[in-house]
Amino acid sequence: ENGNVDIVGSNIYEFEHNPQNRLSIKKMPLTHK
C-alpha cells in the first residue's frame, strides 16, 4: 500500500508434520538491489 514496490515476499520456516516444530529457515535477500 505504500506504493514503493510491486512484489513483496518474506522469509519462511520449514516443517514436516507439525507447524509448531520448526526445522529450518529459508532466508531471502531483502532489497530490490
ModelCIF file with pLDDT and N, C-alpha, C, O atoms, coordinates in Angstrom:
data_MODEL
#
_entry.id   MODEL 
#
_entity.id                         1 
_entity.type                       polymer 
_entity.pdbx_number_of_molecules   1 
#
_entity_poly.entity_id                      1 
_entity_poly.type                           'polypeptide(L)' 
_entity_poly.nstd_linkage                   no 
_entity_poly.nstd_monomer                   no 
_entity_poly.pdbx_seq_one_letter_code       ENGNVDIVGSNIYEFEHNPQNRLSIKKMPLTHK 
_entity_poly.pdbx_seq_one_letter_code_can   ENGNVDIVGSNIYEFEHNPQNRLSIKKMPLTHK 
_entity_poly.pdbx_strand_id                 A 
#
loop_
_entity_poly_seq.entity_id 
_entity_poly_seq.num 
_entity_poly_seq.mon_id 
_entity_poly_seq.hetero 
1 1  GLU n 
1 2  ASN n 
1 3  GLY n 
1 4  ASN n 
1 5  VAL n 
1 6  ASP n 
1 7  ILE n 
1 8  VAL n 
1 9  GLY n 
1 10 SER n 
1 11 ASN n 
1 12 ILE n 
1 13 TYR n 
1 14 GLU n 
1 15 PHE n 
1 16 GLU n 
1 17 HIS n 
1 18 ASN n 
1 19 PRO n 
1 20 GLN n 
1 21 ASN n 
1 22 ARG n 
1 23 LEU n 
1 24 SER n 
1 25 ILE n 
1 26 LYS n 
1 27 LYS n 
1 28 MET n 
1 29 PRO n 
1 30 LEU n 
1 31 THR n 
1 32 HIS n 
1 33 LYS n 
#
_struct_asym.id          A 
_struct_asym.entity_id   1 
#
loop_
_ma_qa_metric.id 
_ma_qa_metric.mode 
_ma_qa_metric.name 
_ma_qa_metric.software_group_id 
_ma_qa_metric.type 
1 global pLDDT . pLDDT 
2 local  pLDDT . pLDDT 
#
_ma_qa_metric_global.metric_id      1 
_ma_qa_metric_global.metric_value   91.33 
_ma_qa_metric_global.model_id       1 
_ma_qa_metric_global.ordinal_id     1 
#
loop_
_ma_qa_metric_local.label_asym_id 
_ma_qa_metric_local.label_comp_id 
_ma_qa_metric_local.label_seq_id 
_ma_qa_metric_local.metric_id 
_ma_qa_metric_local.metric_value 
_ma_qa_metric_local.model_id 
_ma_qa_metric_local.ordinal_id 
A GLU 1  2 93.00 1 1  
A ASN 2  2 86.00 1 2  
A GLY 3  2 80.00 1 3  
A ASN 4  2 89.00 1 4  
A VAL 5  2 96.00 1 5  
A ASP 6  2 97.00 1 6  
A ILE 7  2 98.00 1 7  
A VAL 8  2 98.00 1 8  
A GLY 9  2 97.00 1 9  
A SER 10 2 97.00 1 10 
A ASN 11 2 96.00 1 11 
A ILE 12 2 95.00 1 12 
A TYR 13 2 92.00 1 13 
A GLU 14 2 90.00 1 14 
A PHE 15 2 88.00 1 15 
A GLU 16 2 85.00 1 16 
A HIS 17 2 83.00 1 17 
A ASN 18 2 87.00 1 18 
A PRO 19 2 84.00 1 19 
A GLN 20 2 86.00 1 20 
A ASN 21 2 85.00 1 21 
A ARG 22 2 86.00 1 22 
A LEU 23 2 86.00 1 23 
A SER 24 2 87.00 1 24 
A ILE 25 2 91.00 1 25 
A LYS 26 2 92.00 1 26 
A LYS 27 2 93.00 1 27 
A MET 28 2 95.00 1 28 
A PRO 29 2 96.00 1 29 
A LEU 30 2 96.00 1 30 
A THR 31 2 97.00 1 31 
A HIS 32 2 97.00 1 32 
A LYS 33 2 96.00 1 33 
#
loop_
_atom_site.group_PDB 
_atom_site.id 
_atom_site.type_symbol 
_atom_site.label_atom_id 
_atom_site.label_alt_id 
_atom_site.label_comp_id 
_atom_site.label_asym_id 
_atom_site.label_entity_id 
_atom_site.label_seq_id 
_atom_site.pdbx_PDB_ins_code 
_atom_site.Cartn_x 
_atom_site.Cartn_y 
_atom_site.Cartn_z 
_atom_site.occupancy 
_atom_site.B_iso_or_equiv 
_atom_site.pdbx_formal_charge 
_atom_site.auth_seq_id 
_atom_site.auth_comp_id 
_atom_site.auth_asym_id 
_atom_site.auth_atom_id 
_atom_site.pdbx_PDB_model_num 
ATOM 1   N N  . GLU A 1 1  ? 0.819  -1.211  0.000  1.00 93.00 ? 1  GLU A N  1 
ATOM 2   C CA . GLU A 1 1  ? 0.000  0.000   0.000  1.00 93.00 ? 1  GLU A CA 1 
ATOM 3   C C  . GLU A 1 1  ? 0.851  1.257   0.000  1.00 93.00 ? 1  GLU A C  1 
ATOM 4   O O  . GLU A 1 1  ? 0.384  2.320   -0.410 1.00 93.00 ? 1  GLU A O  1 
ATOM 5   N N  . ASN A 1 2  ? 2.096  1.150   0.456  1.00 86.00 ? 2  ASN A N  1 
ATOM 6   C CA . ASN A 1 2  ? 2.990  2.308   0.469  1.00 86.00 ? 2  ASN A CA 1 
ATOM 7   C C  . ASN A 1 2  ? 3.310  2.811   -0.930 1.00 86.00 ? 2  ASN A C  1 
ATOM 8   O O  . ASN A 1 2  ? 3.645  3.983   -1.108 1.00 86.00 ? 2  ASN A O  1 
ATOM 9   N N  . GLY A 1 3  ? 3.210  1.930   -1.930 1.00 80.00 ? 3  GLY A N  1 
ATOM 10  C CA . GLY A 1 3  ? 3.386  2.340   -3.315 1.00 80.00 ? 3  GLY A CA 1 
ATOM 11  C C  . GLY A 1 3  ? 4.809  2.339   -3.820 1.00 80.00 ? 3  GLY A C  1 
ATOM 12  O O  . GLY A 1 3  ? 5.063  2.811   -4.928 1.00 80.00 ? 3  GLY A O  1 
ATOM 13  N N  . ASN A 1 4  ? 5.757  1.818   -3.035 1.00 89.00 ? 4  ASN A N  1 
ATOM 14  C CA . ASN A 1 4  ? 7.156  1.832   -3.458 1.00 89.00 ? 4  ASN A CA 1 
ATOM 15  C C  . ASN A 1 4  ? 7.595  0.540   -4.142 1.00 89.00 ? 4  ASN A C  1 
ATOM 16  O O  . ASN A 1 4  ? 8.633  0.514   -4.803 1.00 89.00 ? 4  ASN A O  1 
ATOM 17  N N  . VAL A 1 5  ? 6.820  -0.525  -3.991 1.00 96.00 ? 5  VAL A N  1 
ATOM 18  C CA . VAL A 1 5  ? 7.187  -1.819  -4.559 1.00 96.00 ? 5  VAL A CA 1 
ATOM 19  C C  . VAL A 1 5  ? 5.971  -2.468  -5.210 1.00 96.00 ? 5  VAL A C  1 
ATOM 20  O O  . VAL A 1 5  ? 4.827  -2.138  -4.896 1.00 96.00 ? 5  VAL A O  1 
ATOM 21  N N  . ASP A 1 6  ? 6.242  -3.394  -6.119 1.00 97.00 ? 6  ASP A N  1 
ATOM 22  C CA . ASP A 1 6  ? 5.183  -4.150  -6.794 1.00 97.00 ? 6  ASP A CA 1 
ATOM 23  C C  . ASP A 1 6  ? 5.030  -5.556  -6.236 1.00 97.00 ? 6  ASP A C  1 
ATOM 24  O O  . ASP A 1 6  ? 3.937  -6.121  -6.263 1.00 97.00 ? 6  ASP A O  1 
ATOM 25  N N  . ILE A 1 7  ? 6.134  -6.129  -5.724 1.00 98.00 ? 7  ILE A N  1 
ATOM 26  C CA . ILE A 1 7  ? 6.161  -7.530  -5.293 1.00 98.00 ? 7  ILE A CA 1 
ATOM 27  C C  . ILE A 1 7  ? 6.878  -7.600  -3.947 1.00 98.00 ? 7  ILE A C  1 
ATOM 28  O O  . ILE A 1 7  ? 7.995  -7.101  -3.809 1.00 98.00 ? 7  ILE A O  1 
ATOM 29  N N  . VAL A 1 8  ? 6.232  -8.221  -2.951 1.00 98.00 ? 8  VAL A N  1 
ATOM 30  C CA . VAL A 1 8  ? 6.808  -8.335  -1.612 1.00 98.00 ? 8  VAL A CA 1 
ATOM 31  C C  . VAL A 1 8  ? 6.682  -9.776  -1.132 1.00 98.00 ? 8  VAL A C  1 
ATOM 32  O O  . VAL A 1 8  ? 5.612  -10.379 -1.212 1.00 98.00 ? 8  VAL A O  1 
ATOM 33  N N  . GLY A 1 9  ? 7.799  -10.323 -0.630 1.00 97.00 ? 9  GLY A N  1 
ATOM 34  C CA . GLY A 1 9  ? 7.790  -11.649 -0.025 1.00 97.00 ? 9  GLY A CA 1 
ATOM 35  C C  . GLY A 1 9  ? 8.361  -11.586 1.376  1.00 97.00 ? 9  GLY A C  1 
ATOM 36  O O  . GLY A 1 9  ? 8.491  -10.509 1.958  1.00 97.00 ? 9  GLY A O  1 
ATOM 37  N N  . SER A 1 10 ? 8.703  -12.750 1.915  1.00 97.00 ? 10 SER A N  1 
ATOM 38  C CA . SER A 1 10 ? 9.274  -12.805 3.256  1.00 97.00 ? 10 SER A CA 1 
ATOM 39  C C  . SER A 1 10 ? 10.122 -14.060 3.387  1.00 97.00 ? 10 SER A C  1 
ATOM 40  O O  . SER A 1 10 ? 10.146 -14.901 2.488  1.00 97.00 ? 10 SER A O  1 
ATOM 41  N N  . ASN A 1 11 ? 10.813 -14.180 4.508  1.00 96.00 ? 11 ASN A N  1 
ATOM 42  C CA . ASN A 1 11 ? 11.429 -15.451 4.862  1.00 96.00 ? 11 ASN A CA 1 
ATOM 43  C C  . ASN A 1 11 ? 10.322 -16.454 5.185  1.00 96.00 ? 11 ASN A C  1 
ATOM 44  O O  . ASN A 1 11 ? 9.181  -16.064 5.434  1.00 96.00 ? 11 ASN A O  1 
ATOM 45  N N  . ILE A 1 12 ? 10.656 -17.731 5.180  1.00 95.00 ? 12 ILE A N  1 
ATOM 46  C CA . ILE A 1 12 ? 9.713  -18.767 5.619  1.00 95.00 ? 12 ILE A CA 1 
ATOM 47  C C  . ILE A 1 12 ? 10.466 -19.717 6.546  1.00 95.00 ? 12 ILE A C  1 
ATOM 48  O O  . ILE A 1 12 ? 11.697 -19.754 6.543  1.00 95.00 ? 12 ILE A O  1 
ATOM 49  N N  . TYR A 1 13 ? 9.731  -20.474 7.326  1.00 92.00 ? 13 TYR A N  1 
ATOM 50  C CA . TYR A 1 13 ? 10.369 -21.578 8.039  1.00 92.00 ? 13 TYR A CA 1 
ATOM 51  C C  . TYR A 1 13 ? 9.731  -22.887 7.590  1.00 92.00 ? 13 TYR A C  1 
ATOM 52  O O  . TYR A 1 13 ? 8.573  -22.915 7.173  1.00 92.00 ? 13 TYR A O  1 
ATOM 53  N N  . GLU A 1 14 ? 10.487 -23.954 7.679  1.00 90.00 ? 14 GLU A N  1 
ATOM 54  C CA . GLU A 1 14 ? 10.060 -25.247 7.157  1.00 90.00 ? 14 GLU A CA 1 
ATOM 55  C C  . GLU A 1 14 ? 9.709  -26.214 8.282  1.00 90.00 ? 14 GLU A C  1 
ATOM 56  O O  . GLU A 1 14 ? 10.304 -26.184 9.359  1.00 90.00 ? 14 GLU A O  1 
ATOM 57  N N  . PHE A 1 15 ? 8.729  -27.072 8.007  1.00 88.00 ? 15 PHE A N  1 
ATOM 58  C CA . PHE A 1 15 ? 8.340  -28.103 8.953  1.00 88.00 ? 15 PHE A CA 1 
ATOM 59  C C  . PHE A 1 15 ? 7.914  -29.345 8.166  1.00 88.00 ? 15 PHE A C  1 
ATOM 60  O O  . PHE A 1 15 ? 7.704  -29.275 6.955  1.00 88.00 ? 15 PHE A O  1 
ATOM 61  N N  . GLU A 1 16 ? 7.790  -30.466 8.851  1.00 85.00 ? 16 GLU A N  1 
ATOM 62  C CA . GLU A 1 16 ? 7.358  -31.695 8.182  1.00 85.00 ? 16 GLU A CA 1 
ATOM 63  C C  . GLU A 1 16 ? 5.899  -32.022 8.485  1.00 85.00 ? 16 GLU A C  1 
ATOM 64  O O  . GLU A 1 16 ? 5.085  -32.088 7.564  1.00 85.00 ? 16 GLU A O  1 
ATOM 65  N N  . HIS A 1 17 ? 5.556  -32.226 9.738  1.00 83.00 ? 17 HIS A N  1 
ATOM 66  C CA . HIS A 1 17 ? 4.198  -32.635 10.082 1.00 83.00 ? 17 HIS A CA 1 
ATOM 67  C C  . HIS A 1 17 ? 3.495  -31.624 10.992 1.00 83.00 ? 17 HIS A C  1 
ATOM 68  O O  . HIS A 1 17 ? 2.318  -31.319 10.799 1.00 83.00 ? 17 HIS A O  1 
ATOM 69  N N  . ASN A 1 18 ? 4.211  -31.120 11.963 1.00 87.00 ? 18 ASN A N  1 
ATOM 70  C CA . ASN A 1 18 ? 3.637  -30.179 12.920 1.00 87.00 ? 18 ASN A CA 1 
ATOM 71  C C  . ASN A 1 18 ? 4.233  -28.792 12.670 1.00 87.00 ? 18 ASN A C  1 
ATOM 72  O O  . ASN A 1 18 ? 5.443  -28.613 12.812 1.00 87.00 ? 18 ASN A O  1 
ATOM 73  N N  . PRO A 1 19 ? 3.408  -27.806 12.299 1.00 84.00 ? 19 PRO A N  1 
ATOM 74  C CA . PRO A 1 19 ? 3.961  -26.467 12.010 1.00 84.00 ? 19 PRO A CA 1 
ATOM 75  C C  . PRO A 1 19 ? 4.583  -25.790 13.219 1.00 84.00 ? 19 PRO A C  1 
ATOM 76  O O  . PRO A 1 19 ? 5.300  -24.800 13.072 1.00 84.00 ? 19 PRO A O  1 
ATOM 77  N N  . GLN A 1 20 ? 4.319  -26.307 14.415 1.00 86.00 ? 20 GLN A N  1 
ATOM 78  C CA . GLN A 1 20 ? 4.954  -25.748 15.602 1.00 86.00 ? 20 GLN A CA 1 
ATOM 79  C C  . GLN A 1 20 ? 6.390  -26.235 15.765 1.00 86.00 ? 20 GLN A C  1 
ATOM 80  O O  . GLN A 1 20 ? 7.161  -25.665 16.537 1.00 86.00 ? 20 GLN A O  1 
ATOM 81  N N  . ASN A 1 21 ? 6.743  -27.284 15.041 1.00 85.00 ? 21 ASN A N  1 
ATOM 82  C CA . ASN A 1 21 ? 8.089  -27.852 15.124 1.00 85.00 ? 21 ASN A CA 1 
ATOM 83  C C  . ASN A 1 21 ? 8.928  -27.323 13.960 1.00 85.00 ? 21 ASN A C  1 
ATOM 84  O O  . ASN A 1 21 ? 8.954  -27.914 12.880 1.00 85.00 ? 21 ASN A O  1 
ATOM 85  N N  . ARG A 1 22 ? 9.601  -26.220 14.193 1.00 86.00 ? 22 ARG A N  1 
ATOM 86  C CA . ARG A 1 22 ? 10.362 -25.560 13.134 1.00 86.00 ? 22 ARG A CA 1 
ATOM 87  C C  . ARG A 1 22 ? 11.681 -26.295 12.896 1.00 86.00 ? 22 ARG A C  1 
ATOM 88  O O  . ARG A 1 22 ? 12.454 -26.531 13.825 1.00 86.00 ? 22 ARG A O  1 
ATOM 89  N N  . LEU A 1 23 ? 11.921 -26.649 11.634 1.00 86.00 ? 23 LEU A N  1 
ATOM 90  C CA . LEU A 1 23 ? 13.136 -27.382 11.303 1.00 86.00 ? 23 LEU A CA 1 
ATOM 91  C C  . LEU A 1 23 ? 14.244 -26.459 10.783 1.00 86.00 ? 23 LEU A C  1 
ATOM 92  O O  . LEU A 1 23 ? 15.398 -26.581 11.192 1.00 86.00 ? 23 LEU A O  1 
ATOM 93  N N  . SER A 1 24 ? 13.893 -25.545 9.888  1.00 87.00 ? 24 SER A N  1 
ATOM 94  C CA . SER A 1 24 ? 14.901 -24.690 9.262  1.00 87.00 ? 24 SER A CA 1 
ATOM 95  C C  . SER A 1 24 ? 14.240 -23.426 8.733  1.00 87.00 ? 24 SER A C  1 
ATOM 96  O O  . SER A 1 24 ? 13.020 -23.365 8.577  1.00 87.00 ? 24 SER A O  1 
ATOM 97  N N  . ILE A 1 25 ? 15.058 -22.427 8.461  1.00 91.00 ? 25 ILE A N  1 
ATOM 98  C CA . ILE A 1 25 ? 14.579 -21.148 7.937  1.00 91.00 ? 25 ILE A CA 1 
ATOM 99  C C  . ILE A 1 25 ? 15.168 -20.920 6.545  1.00 91.00 ? 25 ILE A C  1 
ATOM 100 O O  . ILE A 1 25 ? 16.355 -21.157 6.315  1.00 91.00 ? 25 ILE A O  1 
ATOM 101 N N  . LYS A 1 26 ? 14.345 -20.468 5.642  1.00 92.00 ? 26 LYS A N  1 
ATOM 102 C CA . LYS A 1 26 ? 14.801 -20.098 4.307  1.00 92.00 ? 26 LYS A CA 1 
ATOM 103 C C  . LYS A 1 26 ? 14.770 -18.572 4.213  1.00 92.00 ? 26 LYS A C  1 
ATOM 104 O O  . LYS A 1 26 ? 13.712 -17.965 4.046  1.00 92.00 ? 26 LYS A O  1 
ATOM 105 N N  . LYS A 1 27 ? 15.953 -17.970 4.325  1.00 93.00 ? 27 LYS A N  1 
ATOM 106 C CA . LYS A 1 27 ? 16.064 -16.520 4.301  1.00 93.00 ? 27 LYS A CA 1 
ATOM 107 C C  . LYS A 1 27 ? 16.226 -16.022 2.865  1.00 93.00 ? 27 LYS A C  1 
ATOM 108 O O  . LYS A 1 27 ? 16.801 -16.703 2.017  1.00 93.00 ? 27 LYS A O  1 
ATOM 109 N N  . MET A 1 28 ? 15.713 -14.832 2.616  1.00 95.00 ? 28 MET A N  1 
ATOM 110 C CA . MET A 1 28 ? 15.750 -14.242 1.293  1.00 95.00 ? 28 MET A CA 1 
ATOM 111 C C  . MET A 1 28 ? 16.481 -12.899 1.312  1.00 95.00 ? 28 MET A C  1 
ATOM 112 O O  . MET A 1 28 ? 16.532 -12.245 2.354  1.00 95.00 ? 28 MET A O  1 
ATOM 113 N N  . PRO A 1 29 ? 17.045 -12.478 0.182  1.00 96.00 ? 29 PRO A N  1 
ATOM 114 C CA . PRO A 1 29 ? 17.615 -11.127 0.106  1.00 96.00 ? 29 PRO A CA 1 
ATOM 115 C C  . PRO A 1 29 ? 16.490 -10.112 0.309  1.00 96.00 ? 29 PRO A C  1 
ATOM 116 O O  . PRO A 1 29 ? 15.345 -10.373 -0.060 1.00 96.00 ? 29 PRO A O  1 
ATOM 117 N N  . LEU A 1 30 ? 16.811 -8.957  0.894  1.00 96.00 ? 30 LEU A N  1 
ATOM 118 C CA . LEU A 1 30 ? 15.762 -8.043  1.344  1.00 96.00 ? 30 LEU A CA 1 
ATOM 119 C C  . LEU A 1 30 ? 15.454 -6.906  0.381  1.00 96.00 ? 30 LEU A C  1 
ATOM 120 O O  . LEU A 1 30 ? 14.285 -6.586  0.165  1.00 96.00 ? 30 LEU A O  1 
ATOM 121 N N  . THR A 1 31 ? 16.464 -6.295  -0.196 1.00 97.00 ? 31 THR A N  1 
ATOM 122 C CA . THR A 1 31 ? 16.262 -5.088  -1.005 1.00 97.00 ? 31 THR A CA 1 
ATOM 123 C C  . THR A 1 31 ? 16.129 -5.434  -2.484 1.00 97.00 ? 31 THR A C  1 
ATOM 124 O O  . THR A 1 31 ? 16.491 -6.527  -2.920 1.00 97.00 ? 31 THR A O  1 
ATOM 125 N N  . HIS A 1 32 ? 15.601 -4.473  -3.246 1.00 97.00 ? 32 HIS A N  1 
ATOM 126 C CA . HIS A 1 32 ? 15.469 -4.686  -4.684 1.00 97.00 ? 32 HIS A CA 1 
ATOM 127 C C  . HIS A 1 32 ? 16.832 -4.943  -5.326 1.00 97.00 ? 32 HIS A C  1 
ATOM 128 O O  . HIS A 1 32 ? 16.964 -5.798  -6.201 1.00 97.00 ? 32 HIS A O  1 
ATOM 129 N N  . LYS A 1 33 ? 17.830 -4.203  -4.886 1.00 96.00 ? 33 LYS A N  1 
ATOM 130 C CA . LYS A 1 33 ? 19.176 -4.362  -5.455 1.00 96.00 ? 33 LYS A CA 1 
ATOM 131 C C  . LYS A 1 33 ? 19.728 -5.761  -5.188 1.00 96.00 ? 33 LYS A C  1 
ATOM 132 O O  . LYS A 1 33 ? 20.848 -6.072  -5.595 1.00 96.00 ? 33 LYS A O  1 
#
